[in-house]
Structures are given as C-alpha cells and as structure tokens.
Amino acid sequence: MQYQQNATILHYTLSTADTRISTRKEVGDDIIALLQPIMPNGGQIPRTPGFTVDIAQSRGCAMFTIKRDMMQVIECGVAWTKEGDAEVWPHLEDLYLRFYGNKREVARKPATYPWLGVIILPGMKFLPLTGC
C-alpha cells in the first residue's frame, strides 16, 4: 500500500496528554517494508527481541497491543473514519480510566481524523533501560 509522504496523523498519548502531528515522511520506507510482514495480524516485531504486537482491525479503525515477553506495555488505537472513531475510542477511554482516570484529567477524544491514541501501560516501568 502506498502512502502520501505529506499525509498526517494526530498522535495523542492519553497517559501523558501529549499531542503532536506526525507525518508519513517521518517513517522511512525501509521501516514500512520491515513491518509489512506482521500486518494485518501482528507477530514478532522485527529487530526487537522479545517484543510482539497483537493487531485487531475493523472498518475505519484498528487496535494494537505491544508486549514485551508477553507483558502488555503499550495499547494503541487508530481511527481514520467517524465509524472507526465510534468503535475504537470507547475501548481506549475505558483502558485509560482504569489506569489513569483518578490521577489525570479526563482523556479527550480527538476531533479530527485520522488519529492515533496511545496509552503507556504500567508494565512499561518494568522494562530494562538498556538492551531492548
């Protein structure tokens, strides 16, 4: 699948409330080619021993979980349509509220498409600082 180099996506990290606009050109074609074999169902993430990704896709959206040695460390949802937004946001919001709801302000659903929502899970703190 070809993507326009100037295509953008809103990247929203719910667990920190950080947002930024990311462009397709930030990701090299070599990285896209490297990850293509694990699409659309997931698997071992190339060049990252111990890291896997589980992917579930639907119309207009996808959810994916990044794990290290079977421990969930990052949960992501991406929506590129209104229908996808309606399907994926409730899952992200529920997960966010379970881990961060009483510590931070309420997560706000992005108003534009496409968007990528990221939740850094507590398991991330158990990862080694080197050797990943």
N, C-alpha and C. Protein backbone atom coordinates (compact mmCIF):
# COMPACT_ATOMS: atom_id res chain seq x y z
N MET A 1 0.84 -1.18 0.00
CA MET A 1 0.00 0.00 0.00
C MET A 1 0.89 1.24 0.00
N GLN A 2 0.60 2.19 -0.84
CA GLN A 2 1.35 3.42 -0.93
C GLN A 2 0.69 4.52 -0.09
N TYR A 3 1.49 5.29 0.57
CA TYR A 3 1.01 6.40 1.38
C TYR A 3 1.66 7.68 0.89
N GLN A 4 0.91 8.75 0.90
CA GLN A 4 1.46 10.05 0.52
C GLN A 4 2.46 10.50 1.57
N GLN A 5 3.58 10.98 1.13
CA GLN A 5 4.62 11.43 2.05
C GLN A 5 4.17 12.60 2.92
N ASN A 6 3.20 13.38 2.45
CA ASN A 6 2.74 14.53 3.23
C ASN A 6 1.50 14.21 4.07
N ALA A 7 1.06 12.95 4.09
CA ALA A 7 -0.08 12.55 4.91
C ALA A 7 0.26 12.76 6.38
N THR A 8 -0.74 13.17 7.18
CA THR A 8 -0.52 13.42 8.60
C THR A 8 -1.50 12.63 9.45
N ILE A 9 -1.13 12.45 10.71
CA ILE A 9 -1.99 11.82 11.69
C ILE A 9 -1.76 12.52 13.03
N LEU A 10 -2.84 12.72 13.77
CA LEU A 10 -2.74 13.28 15.12
C LEU A 10 -2.32 12.15 16.06
N HIS A 11 -1.20 12.31 16.73
CA HIS A 11 -0.69 11.33 17.68
C HIS A 11 -0.99 11.86 19.07
N TYR A 12 -1.83 11.14 19.82
CA TYR A 12 -2.29 11.57 21.14
C TYR A 12 -1.93 10.51 22.16
N THR A 13 -1.04 10.84 23.10
CA THR A 13 -0.68 9.92 24.17
C THR A 13 -1.58 10.22 25.35
N LEU A 14 -2.58 9.39 25.57
CA LEU A 14 -3.56 9.64 26.60
C LEU A 14 -2.94 9.66 27.99
N SER A 15 -1.98 8.79 28.24
CA SER A 15 -1.40 8.68 29.58
C SER A 15 -0.53 9.87 29.97
N THR A 16 -0.18 10.72 29.01
CA THR A 16 0.60 11.93 29.32
C THR A 16 -0.10 13.20 28.85
N ALA A 17 -1.17 13.06 28.08
CA ALA A 17 -1.93 14.17 27.49
C ALA A 17 -1.12 14.93 26.43
N ASP A 18 -0.04 14.32 25.93
CA ASP A 18 0.76 14.95 24.87
C ASP A 18 0.12 14.68 23.51
N THR A 19 0.17 15.68 22.63
CA THR A 19 -0.29 15.52 21.27
C THR A 19 0.74 16.09 20.31
N ARG A 20 0.73 15.56 19.11
CA ARG A 20 1.58 16.11 18.05
C ARG A 20 1.04 15.62 16.72
N ILE A 21 1.36 16.35 15.68
CA ILE A 21 1.02 15.93 14.33
C ILE A 21 2.24 15.21 13.77
N SER A 22 2.03 13.98 13.33
CA SER A 22 3.10 13.19 12.73
C SER A 22 2.84 13.09 11.23
N THR A 23 3.90 13.11 10.46
CA THR A 23 3.77 12.97 9.02
C THR A 23 4.31 11.62 8.57
N ARG A 24 3.81 11.14 7.47
CA ARG A 24 4.25 9.86 6.92
C ARG A 24 5.75 9.89 6.60
N LYS A 25 6.26 11.03 6.19
CA LYS A 25 7.67 11.09 5.81
C LYS A 25 8.61 10.91 7.00
N GLU A 26 8.07 10.94 8.23
CA GLU A 26 8.90 10.69 9.42
C GLU A 26 9.30 9.22 9.53
N VAL A 27 8.60 8.35 8.81
CA VAL A 27 8.86 6.91 8.86
C VAL A 27 9.46 6.49 7.52
N GLY A 28 10.67 5.98 7.57
CA GLY A 28 11.37 5.59 6.35
C GLY A 28 10.69 4.42 5.64
N ASP A 29 10.83 4.39 4.33
CA ASP A 29 10.27 3.30 3.54
C ASP A 29 10.84 1.95 3.97
N ASP A 30 12.08 1.94 4.44
CA ASP A 30 12.69 0.70 4.90
C ASP A 30 11.99 0.17 6.15
N ILE A 31 11.53 1.06 7.02
CA ILE A 31 10.80 0.65 8.22
C ILE A 31 9.42 0.10 7.85
N ILE A 32 8.76 0.76 6.91
CA ILE A 32 7.46 0.27 6.42
C ILE A 32 7.63 -1.14 5.85
N ALA A 33 8.65 -1.34 5.04
CA ALA A 33 8.90 -2.65 4.44
C ALA A 33 9.22 -3.70 5.51
N LEU A 34 9.95 -3.31 6.54
CA LEU A 34 10.31 -4.22 7.62
C LEU A 34 9.08 -4.68 8.40
N LEU A 35 8.11 -3.78 8.60
CA LEU A 35 6.91 -4.10 9.39
C LEU A 35 5.79 -4.75 8.58
N GLN A 36 5.86 -4.63 7.26
CA GLN A 36 4.79 -5.14 6.40
C GLN A 36 4.45 -6.62 6.66
N PRO A 37 5.42 -7.49 6.90
CA PRO A 37 5.08 -8.91 7.11
C PRO A 37 4.21 -9.18 8.34
N ILE A 38 4.23 -8.32 9.35
CA ILE A 38 3.41 -8.58 10.54
C ILE A 38 2.03 -7.93 10.44
N MET A 39 1.75 -7.31 9.31
CA MET A 39 0.42 -6.74 9.09
C MET A 39 -0.43 -7.79 8.40
N PRO A 40 -1.67 -7.99 8.61
CA PRO A 40 -2.53 -7.21 9.48
C PRO A 40 -2.76 -7.83 10.85
N ASN A 41 -2.13 -8.99 11.14
CA ASN A 41 -2.48 -9.71 12.37
C ASN A 41 -1.50 -9.58 13.52
N GLY A 42 -0.32 -9.05 13.25
CA GLY A 42 0.66 -8.91 14.32
C GLY A 42 1.69 -10.02 14.29
N GLY A 43 2.50 -10.07 15.35
CA GLY A 43 3.56 -11.06 15.46
C GLY A 43 4.80 -10.46 16.10
N GLN A 44 5.92 -11.15 15.94
CA GLN A 44 7.20 -10.69 16.47
C GLN A 44 7.59 -9.39 15.75
N ILE A 45 7.91 -8.35 16.52
CA ILE A 45 8.33 -7.08 15.92
C ILE A 45 9.79 -7.24 15.47
N PRO A 46 10.06 -7.05 14.19
CA PRO A 46 11.43 -7.23 13.70
C PRO A 46 12.44 -6.35 14.43
N ARG A 47 13.62 -6.93 14.64
CA ARG A 47 14.76 -6.24 15.25
C ARG A 47 14.54 -5.82 16.70
N THR A 48 13.52 -6.37 17.35
CA THR A 48 13.26 -6.04 18.76
C THR A 48 12.98 -7.34 19.51
N PRO A 49 14.02 -8.06 19.90
CA PRO A 49 13.84 -9.34 20.58
C PRO A 49 12.90 -9.23 21.78
N GLY A 50 11.95 -10.15 21.85
CA GLY A 50 11.02 -10.19 22.97
C GLY A 50 9.77 -9.34 22.79
N PHE A 51 9.76 -8.47 21.78
CA PHE A 51 8.60 -7.60 21.56
C PHE A 51 7.70 -8.18 20.48
N THR A 52 6.40 -8.21 20.78
CA THR A 52 5.40 -8.65 19.82
C THR A 52 4.29 -7.62 19.76
N VAL A 53 3.47 -7.72 18.74
CA VAL A 53 2.30 -6.85 18.61
C VAL A 53 1.11 -7.70 18.21
N ASP A 54 -0.01 -7.47 18.89
CA ASP A 54 -1.29 -8.07 18.53
C ASP A 54 -2.12 -6.98 17.85
N ILE A 55 -2.74 -7.29 16.72
CA ILE A 55 -3.48 -6.30 15.96
C ILE A 55 -4.89 -6.81 15.70
N ALA A 56 -5.88 -5.95 15.94
CA ALA A 56 -7.28 -6.25 15.60
C ALA A 56 -7.78 -5.09 14.75
N GLN A 57 -8.29 -5.41 13.56
CA GLN A 57 -8.76 -4.37 12.65
C GLN A 57 -10.26 -4.46 12.45
N SER A 58 -10.84 -3.32 12.18
CA SER A 58 -12.25 -3.24 11.83
C SER A 58 -12.38 -2.18 10.76
N ARG A 59 -13.60 -1.87 10.37
CA ARG A 59 -13.78 -0.85 9.34
C ARG A 59 -13.48 0.53 9.93
N GLY A 60 -12.48 1.17 9.38
CA GLY A 60 -12.14 2.52 9.79
C GLY A 60 -11.31 2.64 11.04
N CYS A 61 -10.83 1.51 11.58
CA CYS A 61 -10.03 1.59 12.81
C CYS A 61 -9.23 0.32 13.03
N ALA A 62 -8.33 0.39 13.98
CA ALA A 62 -7.56 -0.77 14.41
C ALA A 62 -7.11 -0.54 15.85
N MET A 63 -6.94 -1.62 16.57
CA MET A 63 -6.37 -1.59 17.92
C MET A 63 -5.13 -2.48 17.87
N PHE A 64 -4.09 -2.06 18.60
CA PHE A 64 -2.94 -2.94 18.70
C PHE A 64 -2.28 -2.81 20.05
N THR A 65 -1.76 -3.95 20.51
CA THR A 65 -1.11 -4.05 21.81
C THR A 65 0.33 -4.46 21.60
N ILE A 66 1.24 -3.70 22.16
CA ILE A 66 2.66 -4.04 22.11
C ILE A 66 3.01 -4.70 23.43
N LYS A 67 3.69 -5.86 23.33
CA LYS A 67 4.07 -6.62 24.51
C LYS A 67 5.57 -6.86 24.52
N ARG A 68 6.10 -6.98 25.71
CA ARG A 68 7.49 -7.42 25.90
C ARG A 68 7.43 -8.67 26.74
N ASP A 69 7.87 -9.78 26.18
CA ASP A 69 7.84 -11.06 26.88
C ASP A 69 6.44 -11.32 27.46
N MET A 70 5.42 -11.10 26.65
CA MET A 70 4.02 -11.36 26.97
C MET A 70 3.40 -10.33 27.95
N MET A 71 4.16 -9.35 28.43
CA MET A 71 3.61 -8.32 29.30
C MET A 71 3.17 -7.13 28.44
N GLN A 72 1.92 -6.73 28.58
CA GLN A 72 1.42 -5.59 27.82
C GLN A 72 2.11 -4.32 28.31
N VAL A 73 2.68 -3.56 27.36
CA VAL A 73 3.36 -2.32 27.74
C VAL A 73 2.76 -1.09 27.07
N ILE A 74 2.15 -1.25 25.91
CA ILE A 74 1.54 -0.11 25.20
C ILE A 74 0.27 -0.60 24.50
N GLU A 75 -0.79 0.18 24.63
CA GLU A 75 -2.04 -0.09 23.93
C GLU A 75 -2.31 1.09 23.01
N CYS A 76 -2.67 0.80 21.77
CA CYS A 76 -2.91 1.85 20.79
C CYS A 76 -4.21 1.61 20.04
N GLY A 77 -4.82 2.69 19.63
CA GLY A 77 -5.97 2.62 18.75
C GLY A 77 -5.80 3.67 17.68
N VAL A 78 -6.20 3.36 16.47
CA VAL A 78 -6.12 4.32 15.38
C VAL A 78 -7.47 4.34 14.68
N ALA A 79 -7.93 5.55 14.38
CA ALA A 79 -9.21 5.71 13.67
C ALA A 79 -8.99 6.64 12.50
N TRP A 80 -9.55 6.26 11.36
CA TRP A 80 -9.43 7.11 10.18
C TRP A 80 -10.79 7.46 9.59
N THR A 81 -11.87 7.02 10.27
CA THR A 81 -13.23 7.39 9.85
C THR A 81 -14.07 7.66 11.10
N LYS A 82 -15.22 8.29 10.90
CA LYS A 82 -16.15 8.55 12.00
C LYS A 82 -16.60 7.24 12.63
N GLU A 83 -16.89 6.24 11.78
CA GLU A 83 -17.33 4.94 12.29
C GLU A 83 -16.23 4.26 13.10
N GLY A 84 -15.00 4.35 12.62
CA GLY A 84 -13.88 3.79 13.34
C GLY A 84 -13.66 4.48 14.67
N ASP A 85 -13.82 5.79 14.67
CA ASP A 85 -13.70 6.58 15.89
C ASP A 85 -14.71 6.09 16.93
N ALA A 86 -15.95 5.89 16.50
CA ALA A 86 -17.01 5.45 17.42
C ALA A 86 -16.74 4.05 17.97
N GLU A 87 -16.01 3.24 17.22
CA GLU A 87 -15.72 1.89 17.68
C GLU A 87 -14.50 1.82 18.59
N VAL A 88 -13.44 2.53 18.25
CA VAL A 88 -12.18 2.36 18.97
C VAL A 88 -12.07 3.26 20.21
N TRP A 89 -12.64 4.46 20.17
CA TRP A 89 -12.47 5.38 21.30
C TRP A 89 -13.00 4.80 22.62
N PRO A 90 -14.18 4.18 22.67
CA PRO A 90 -14.64 3.65 23.96
C PRO A 90 -13.67 2.65 24.58
N HIS A 91 -12.98 1.85 23.77
CA HIS A 91 -12.01 0.89 24.30
C HIS A 91 -10.80 1.62 24.90
N LEU A 92 -10.30 2.62 24.20
CA LEU A 92 -9.17 3.38 24.72
C LEU A 92 -9.55 4.14 25.99
N GLU A 93 -10.70 4.77 25.95
CA GLU A 93 -11.15 5.56 27.10
C GLU A 93 -11.32 4.67 28.34
N ASP A 94 -11.91 3.50 28.16
CA ASP A 94 -12.10 2.58 29.28
C ASP A 94 -10.76 2.16 29.87
N LEU A 95 -9.82 1.81 29.02
CA LEU A 95 -8.49 1.42 29.50
C LEU A 95 -7.81 2.59 30.20
N TYR A 96 -7.89 3.76 29.62
CA TYR A 96 -7.30 4.96 30.22
C TYR A 96 -7.89 5.19 31.62
N LEU A 97 -9.21 5.13 31.74
CA LEU A 97 -9.85 5.40 33.02
C LEU A 97 -9.47 4.36 34.06
N ARG A 98 -9.29 3.10 33.65
CA ARG A 98 -8.88 2.07 34.60
C ARG A 98 -7.50 2.33 35.19
N PHE A 99 -6.58 2.86 34.38
CA PHE A 99 -5.22 3.08 34.86
C PHE A 99 -4.92 4.49 35.30
N TYR A 100 -5.57 5.49 34.70
CA TYR A 100 -5.20 6.87 34.96
C TYR A 100 -6.36 7.79 35.33
N GLY A 101 -7.57 7.30 35.32
CA GLY A 101 -8.75 8.14 35.49
C GLY A 101 -8.77 8.98 36.74
N ASN A 102 -8.25 8.50 37.84
CA ASN A 102 -8.28 9.29 39.06
C ASN A 102 -7.02 10.11 39.27
N LYS A 103 -6.09 10.05 38.35
CA LYS A 103 -4.81 10.76 38.50
C LYS A 103 -4.65 11.94 37.55
N ARG A 104 -5.38 11.93 36.46
CA ARG A 104 -5.22 12.96 35.44
C ARG A 104 -6.60 13.42 34.98
N GLU A 105 -6.62 14.50 34.26
CA GLU A 105 -7.90 14.94 33.72
C GLU A 105 -8.41 13.93 32.70
N VAL A 106 -9.69 14.01 32.43
CA VAL A 106 -10.33 13.05 31.53
C VAL A 106 -9.74 13.15 30.13
N ALA A 107 -9.48 11.98 29.55
CA ALA A 107 -8.98 11.95 28.17
C ALA A 107 -10.03 12.53 27.24
N ARG A 108 -9.57 13.26 26.24
CA ARG A 108 -10.49 13.89 25.29
C ARG A 108 -10.31 13.28 23.91
N LYS A 109 -11.41 12.85 23.34
CA LYS A 109 -11.37 12.24 22.02
C LYS A 109 -10.94 13.28 20.99
N PRO A 110 -10.00 12.94 20.12
CA PRO A 110 -9.59 13.88 19.07
C PRO A 110 -10.78 14.26 18.18
N ALA A 111 -10.74 15.47 17.67
CA ALA A 111 -11.83 15.99 16.85
C ALA A 111 -11.60 15.80 15.36
N THR A 112 -10.40 15.40 14.97
CA THR A 112 -10.10 15.23 13.55
C THR A 112 -9.62 13.81 13.27
N TYR A 113 -9.67 13.42 12.02
CA TYR A 113 -9.21 12.11 11.57
C TYR A 113 -8.07 12.31 10.60
N PRO A 114 -7.17 11.41 10.50
CA PRO A 114 -7.01 10.23 11.34
C PRO A 114 -6.31 10.59 12.65
N TRP A 115 -6.48 9.74 13.65
CA TRP A 115 -5.77 9.92 14.91
C TRP A 115 -5.26 8.58 15.42
N LEU A 116 -4.20 8.67 16.19
CA LEU A 116 -3.60 7.52 16.85
C LEU A 116 -3.60 7.82 18.34
N GLY A 117 -4.28 6.99 19.12
CA GLY A 117 -4.28 7.14 20.57
C GLY A 117 -3.37 6.10 21.20
N VAL A 118 -2.52 6.53 22.12
CA VAL A 118 -1.53 5.66 22.75
C VAL A 118 -1.68 5.73 24.27
N ILE A 119 -1.69 4.57 24.90
CA ILE A 119 -1.70 4.50 26.36
C ILE A 119 -0.48 3.71 26.80
N ILE A 120 0.38 4.35 27.56
CA ILE A 120 1.55 3.67 28.12
C ILE A 120 1.08 2.94 29.38
N LEU A 121 1.19 1.65 29.38
CA LEU A 121 0.68 0.83 30.48
C LEU A 121 1.70 0.70 31.60
N PRO A 122 1.24 0.39 32.82
CA PRO A 122 2.17 0.28 33.95
C PRO A 122 3.29 -0.72 33.73
N GLY A 123 3.09 -1.75 32.91
CA GLY A 123 4.14 -2.73 32.64
C GLY A 123 5.38 -2.13 32.03
N MET A 124 5.25 -0.96 31.43
CA MET A 124 6.39 -0.29 30.80
C MET A 124 7.50 0.00 31.82
N LYS A 125 7.12 0.26 33.05
CA LYS A 125 8.15 0.62 34.05
C LYS A 125 9.05 -0.56 34.42
N PHE A 126 8.65 -1.78 34.03
CA PHE A 126 9.46 -2.94 34.34
C PHE A 126 10.46 -3.28 33.24
N LEU A 127 10.44 -2.52 32.15
CA LEU A 127 11.37 -2.79 31.05
C LEU A 127 12.77 -2.31 31.44
N PRO A 128 13.79 -3.05 31.02
CA PRO A 128 15.15 -2.59 31.29
C PRO A 128 15.45 -1.33 30.49
N LEU A 129 16.31 -0.49 31.01
CA LEU A 129 16.66 0.75 30.34
C LEU A 129 17.58 0.53 29.15
N THR A 130 18.29 -0.59 29.14
CA THR A 130 19.18 -0.90 28.03
C THR A 130 18.90 -2.32 27.56
N GLY A 131 19.39 -2.63 26.40
CA GLY A 131 19.29 -3.99 25.89
C GLY A 131 17.95 -4.33 25.26
N CYS A 132 17.13 -3.33 24.99
CA CYS A 132 15.82 -3.60 24.36
C CYS A 132 16.01 -3.77 22.91
